[in-house]
């Protein structure tokens, strides 16, 4: 893999990962999480178990780019009536402001992490409270009034030079491109509230009535009953980081991963008494269902791809394999070359008759941090990134979406969007802000060499290029055609990545453990007819200890215990085998193993 430079500056990721590991304290070949990577569920939420260290002056001397980025972030803070309210999206005044002079919750999140890691929590606290208070503002889009639960998409301070007064102008999607309310802002707010609580070590802010009420409003909207048949959230195009028409309507992976993470954070932050118990119960009910759905239907690896390739269609009833009636011919050709034998990822979208097989970086990295994936699958995602480093990272970490939509598909899906040309912006462009997500996921899965290489790639260009918003090109070689410079989340994304690499215990601010309740117990639905799934016949010697079958089964258990132990290792399979025992031939037609024992169905012959 060629790096930004040539010759001696080039890097090969595989050889680098296989080389001597100078950060061996983090690396454990995927067998253990990094220090501070997972929050121990036995530790109270409000205990200061994520100490924020004071970085020594030598750290800033060694990384002057961090110093420059932090100074730019502090100088960009916006004040309203003498109080801090946020940081604008960009500081580039060379072209029209558009909405880059506004404060976005999504864009502010990495900046908030940077302030928490440098012992400036007061900035984060004031912005959390200001954003929540704006939730009570009137929300109108044309003639329609939005729900009380919706968080603001962005806001800005308006100055009246005549009267010298100031007021906040809030946007709930009515002036956004596409007029779409961003769903992810509410989830980022809850996740940031949890990070703030972990950083300062007490629950004073999260236990306030207004913050509790804010979480209640968000949860009441997300967990309300409707016509949904899935535990995931149905979304429109442009409701997340991919804020333009890019075929993300339905159930995009980024929203589902954020939804899962926000539910777990809210469960830790909500009071366990009074009316809040209802919402905790709703969360406990939704989490296992959401976990099972995502792990069962969104996960793709080589074996699963082969199964989809062989799917039958137009199946009916409850025993079907192709539950969403996906047509195998809809599998894109690029996927067969892209999918390695080792590795896997969460695909972009799953809905009736449709699977979006594209790679979405934010959704997969958030899935690792929130433990939506299992430990093994988290490692598989990182294996995929390592195997496809040139495609997914290239010369600037990292691509938001892969591959890019091109030709006729680009015209149909994006509506000929000139900003989303192939390998530009969200359509295959490289976004430096994703560096902090890649770093956090790599540290959690024990891949420090990957972190080191990604940081080196970013440091060679970002400061010199004046912190652009995104890069264009298949390898991320060129500053984006419409990219704004001095982008605040590009700065803060780099700062957070560098600090996590320096002190992995900071990962505890944004990383969640898997939890015992994330492995749901599956059982037959009570609404299904029992004739479709009859309970398997179960042999109990106590029912008839003198019967021939009782004697035969007892002898098999005693003399062929190792043989039966092999069957217990599998949940269910059928076989046809013959055992000769004292002149009796036993034909086993079905062996079913359960958590409480096994059942046999056989016919004795002499």
Foldseek 3Di string as FASTA:
>chain_A
DQALDDDPPGDALVVLLVDDDPPVQLFDPQPAFGAQLADDPVDALLALLQEQDADDPVLCVVPVLLVVLVVLQVVQFDDAPRHTAAGFQFDFPPDDCLRRRWHALVLCLLVCLLCLNNVNNVNVLNNLVNQLVCLCPFADQPHDTDDSLATFGIKDWDADVVVRHIDIDTHQQNPDVVSFGALLSLLSSLLSLSLSSNSVRGLPSLPDPSNLVNLVSNLCVLLPDDDDPALADFGDQQNHLRRAQFPLGGGFLLRLLSVLLSLVSSLSRHDCDDPCVVSNVSSLVSQQRSLCCQVPPFKDAPVVLVVLLVADAPDDDDPHPPPLRADNVPPDPVVVVLHDNQAIFGATHDHRHDTRRKDALNSGLSCLQAVSDPSRNLVRHVVSCSVPVQQAAFLAAGQRIPDFQDDPRCCVRRVVDVQRYGQHDNRVWHALLCLLSVLLSCSRSRRLSVLVVNLVSCVVPCVVVQNWGIAGDSRRNGRGPPIRHRRSSSSSSSSNSSVCSVPVSSSSSRGHDNDPSNPDDDDDDPPDDCVVPPDDDADDCVVPVPDPVNVVVVVCCVPVVVVVVVVLVDQFDFDWDWDADPNKIWTWGGWGHDPVGIGTDTDIDD
